[in-house]
Amino acid sequence: MPRAYVAVASFSGGLVQSGMAKFAAFLRGVNVGGVNLKMAEVATALTDAGFCNVRTILASGNVLLESTCGAAEVREKTEATLRERFGYDAWALIYDVDTVRTIVAAYPFECELEGYQSYVTFVADAAILDELSALADTAGPDENISRGPDPLGVLYWQVPKGSTLDSTIGQTMGKKRYKSSTTTRNLRTLAKVLR
């Protein structure tokens, strides 16, 4: 069975009910490629599933929620809820909020480099992370790719604006085999999630 990166830690900021942890759920492929969801309906579905203080950020599948469950159970419950409610093959990567802060703080490249897009790819499968990390060896001269520190399970990358889909990593991650175990966010989106 492949190793999976599912981070779990307690949330220390804000008002959280006793025993609750605050998580960021990053939904894969939402509002791109034909999967169109209204974020208000996603929030309602997840609230109905028993999560607390559910809030969506932007229309790209970013959800903050609280739960007494661990990250693996939050992922399982989130995916099952979305599949049942919206009838699509739902995939979510779940991280506690403090881990997302650590991931953003560890970004190894200049964050606001003029003319470039800065990304974090969340990866739930260690073998897939190994494959994607190896792309650093074949990346173009304007592409930066770096594996995040273990056990975060992320890949950092940066490409010139307008070339994301044509980049080495952009072309690779569009393949079907990565669908269930990866999702990507730019640093600006992650900053909004952490506000």
Protein backbone atom coordinates (compact mmCIF):
# COMPACT_ATOMS: atom_id res chain seq x y z
CA MET A 1 0.00 0.00 0.00
CA PRO A 2 1.55 3.37 -0.97
CA ARG A 3 2.44 5.78 1.79
CA ALA A 4 0.10 8.72 2.07
CA TYR A 5 0.83 12.16 3.42
CA VAL A 6 -2.02 13.24 5.64
CA ALA A 7 -0.95 15.85 8.15
CA VAL A 8 -2.62 16.06 11.54
CA ALA A 9 -1.98 18.67 14.23
CA SER A 10 -4.10 20.69 16.57
CA PHE A 11 -5.18 24.19 15.67
CA SER A 12 -4.00 26.71 18.25
CA GLY A 13 -5.55 29.97 17.06
CA GLY A 14 -9.09 31.33 16.96
CA LEU A 15 -12.17 30.02 18.70
CA VAL A 16 -12.37 26.28 18.27
CA GLN A 17 -14.63 24.01 20.28
CA SER A 18 -12.89 21.67 22.69
CA GLY A 19 -11.48 18.67 20.84
CA MET A 20 -11.93 20.34 17.45
CA ALA A 21 -9.17 20.82 14.91
CA LYS A 22 -9.29 23.30 12.04
CA PHE A 23 -8.56 21.91 8.59
CA ALA A 24 -8.09 23.21 5.06
CA ALA A 25 -9.68 20.98 2.44
CA PHE A 26 -8.32 21.47 -1.07
CA LEU A 27 -10.77 19.98 -3.56
CA ARG A 28 -9.30 18.62 -6.79
CA GLY A 29 -10.58 19.83 -10.16
CA VAL A 30 -13.45 22.00 -8.96
CA ASN A 31 -14.81 24.59 -11.41
CA VAL A 32 -12.38 23.45 -14.10
CA GLY A 33 -12.78 20.63 -16.58
CA GLY A 34 -16.55 20.40 -16.32
CA VAL A 35 -16.94 20.00 -12.53
CA ASN A 36 -18.91 23.13 -11.67
CA LEU A 37 -19.95 23.56 -8.06
CA LYS A 38 -21.37 26.52 -6.19
CA MET A 39 -19.24 27.00 -3.12
CA ALA A 40 -22.26 27.91 -0.97
CA GLU A 41 -23.74 24.50 -1.82
CA VAL A 42 -20.43 22.81 -0.98
CA ALA A 43 -20.41 24.55 2.41
CA THR A 44 -23.99 23.46 3.07
CA ALA A 45 -23.23 19.84 2.11
CA LEU A 46 -20.19 19.68 4.39
CA THR A 47 -22.10 21.31 7.25
CA ASP A 48 -24.90 18.78 6.76
CA ALA A 49 -22.24 16.04 6.93
CA GLY A 50 -21.36 17.16 10.46
CA PHE A 51 -18.41 19.51 9.99
CA CYS A 52 -18.44 22.77 11.94
CA ASN A 53 -17.71 26.38 10.94
CA VAL A 54 -17.45 25.48 7.24
CA ARG A 55 -16.28 28.33 5.05
CA THR A 56 -15.24 28.38 1.39
CA ILE A 57 -12.57 30.62 -0.09
CA LEU A 58 -12.76 31.58 -3.77
CA ALA A 59 -14.46 29.33 -6.32
CA SER A 60 -11.54 26.95 -6.80
CA GLY A 61 -12.39 24.40 -4.10
CA ASN A 62 -10.79 25.74 -0.94
CA VAL A 63 -12.67 24.96 2.26
CA LEU A 64 -11.96 25.66 5.92
CA LEU A 65 -13.77 23.45 8.39
CA GLU A 66 -13.54 22.12 11.92
CA SER A 67 -13.86 18.54 13.06
CA THR A 68 -13.08 16.22 15.95
CA CYS A 69 -11.92 13.65 13.36
CA GLY A 70 -8.35 13.22 12.16
CA ALA A 71 -7.26 14.33 8.69
CA ALA A 72 -7.69 10.90 7.08
CA GLU A 73 -11.29 10.63 8.29
CA VAL A 74 -12.00 14.23 7.26
CA ARG A 75 -10.75 13.39 3.76
CA GLU A 76 -12.85 10.24 3.53
CA LYS A 77 -15.99 11.99 4.79
CA THR A 78 -15.45 15.05 2.56
CA GLU A 79 -14.99 12.97 -0.59
CA ALA A 80 -17.97 10.73 0.19
CA THR A 81 -20.20 13.74 0.90
CA LEU A 82 -19.27 15.51 -2.33
CA ARG A 83 -19.65 12.34 -4.41
CA GLU A 84 -23.09 11.66 -2.96
CA ARG A 85 -24.38 15.24 -3.04
CA PHE A 86 -22.98 16.38 -6.39
CA GLY A 87 -22.53 13.13 -8.31
CA TYR A 88 -18.92 13.53 -9.40
CA ASP A 89 -15.67 11.69 -8.67
CA ALA A 90 -14.57 13.93 -5.79
CA TRP A 91 -11.01 14.09 -4.47
CA ALA A 92 -9.78 16.23 -1.58
CA LEU A 93 -6.46 16.77 0.13
CA ILE A 94 -6.76 17.69 3.80
CA TYR A 95 -4.24 19.53 5.96
CA ASP A 96 -4.56 21.09 9.37
CA VAL A 97 -4.29 24.87 9.17
CA ASP A 98 -0.99 25.08 11.08
CA THR A 99 0.57 22.70 8.56
CA VAL A 100 -0.64 24.89 5.69
CA ARG A 101 1.08 27.84 7.39
CA THR A 102 4.29 25.80 7.64
CA ILE A 103 4.03 24.80 3.98
CA VAL A 104 3.63 28.41 2.84
CA ALA A 105 6.46 29.64 5.10
CA ALA A 106 8.81 27.00 3.66
CA TYR A 107 8.32 28.13 0.03
CA PRO A 108 11.92 28.02 -1.26
CA PHE A 109 11.73 30.53 -4.11
CA GLU A 110 11.14 34.27 -4.19
CA CYS A 111 7.39 34.49 -3.58
CA GLU A 112 6.50 37.60 -5.57
CA LEU A 113 8.97 37.31 -8.43
CA GLU A 114 7.92 39.66 -11.23
CA GLY A 115 6.57 37.77 -14.24
CA TYR A 116 6.30 34.41 -12.46
CA GLN A 117 3.57 32.27 -10.88
CA SER A 118 4.38 30.57 -7.58
CA TYR A 119 2.65 27.26 -6.82
CA VAL A 120 2.34 24.55 -4.20
CA THR A 121 1.17 21.10 -5.25
CA PHE A 122 -0.29 19.02 -2.44
CA VAL A 123 0.45 15.32 -2.93
CA ALA A 124 -1.24 12.50 -0.98
CA ASP A 125 0.89 9.64 -2.33
CA ALA A 126 4.62 9.37 -1.57
CA ALA A 127 5.43 7.50 -4.81
CA ILE A 128 3.70 10.22 -6.86
CA LEU A 129 5.64 12.86 -4.92
CA ASP A 130 8.87 11.05 -5.80
CA GLU A 131 7.88 11.02 -9.50
CA LEU A 132 6.95 14.70 -9.55
CA SER A 133 10.07 15.71 -7.61
CA ALA A 134 12.22 14.04 -10.28
CA LEU A 135 10.86 16.56 -12.81
CA ALA A 136 13.31 19.08 -11.35
CA ASP A 137 16.01 17.26 -13.35
CA THR A 138 14.27 17.91 -16.69
CA ALA A 139 12.67 21.29 -15.98
CA GLY A 140 13.16 24.11 -18.44
CA PRO A 141 15.60 26.94 -17.67
CA ASP A 142 12.82 29.24 -16.42
CA GLU A 143 11.16 26.60 -14.22
CA ASN A 144 11.93 26.05 -10.55
CA ILE A 145 10.83 22.80 -8.89
CA SER A 146 11.63 21.71 -5.35
CA ARG A 147 10.27 19.02 -3.06
CA GLY A 148 8.99 20.30 0.26
CA PRO A 149 10.48 19.04 3.50
CA ASP A 150 9.17 15.72 4.79
CA PRO A 151 6.57 14.96 6.01
CA LEU A 152 4.67 17.84 4.37
CA GLY A 153 3.96 16.01 1.12
CA VAL A 154 4.20 19.02 -1.17
CA LEU A 155 6.02 20.13 -4.28
CA TYR A 156 6.96 23.77 -4.76
CA TRP A 157 7.25 25.19 -8.24
CA GLN A 158 7.49 28.44 -10.11
CA VAL A 159 7.08 29.16 -13.81
CA PRO A 160 6.79 32.27 -15.99
CA LYS A 161 3.27 33.70 -16.17
CA GLY A 162 1.38 32.33 -19.14
CA SER A 163 3.39 29.10 -19.32
CA THR A 164 1.88 27.09 -16.46
CA LEU A 165 0.15 24.53 -18.68
CA ASP A 166 3.12 24.31 -21.06
CA SER A 167 5.68 23.82 -18.29
CA THR A 168 7.28 20.45 -17.56
CA ILE A 169 5.29 20.01 -14.38
CA GLY A 170 2.07 21.50 -15.76
CA GLN A 171 2.02 19.02 -18.63
CA THR A 172 2.80 16.10 -16.35
CA MET A 173 0.21 16.86 -13.69
CA GLY A 174 -2.56 17.05 -16.26
CA LYS A 175 -2.34 13.26 -16.63
CA LYS A 176 -5.18 11.15 -15.25
CA ARG A 177 -2.96 9.10 -12.92
CA TYR A 178 -2.35 12.16 -10.72
CA LYS A 179 -6.01 13.12 -10.39
CA SER A 180 -6.80 11.41 -7.09
CA SER A 181 -3.62 12.34 -5.25
CA THR A 182 -2.63 15.89 -6.24
CA THR A 183 -4.03 19.38 -6.33
CA THR A 184 -2.27 22.69 -6.88
CA ARG A 185 -2.78 26.18 -5.47
CA ASN A 186 -0.88 29.38 -6.10
CA LEU A 187 0.60 31.22 -3.13
CA ARG A 188 -1.92 34.05 -3.36
CA THR A 189 -4.79 31.59 -2.93
CA LEU A 190 -3.07 29.98 0.05
CA ALA A 191 -2.59 33.41 1.64
CA LYS A 192 -6.36 33.96 1.35
CA VAL A 193 -7.04 30.56 2.91
CA LEU A 194 -4.84 31.51 5.87
CA ARG A 195 -6.41 34.93 6.51
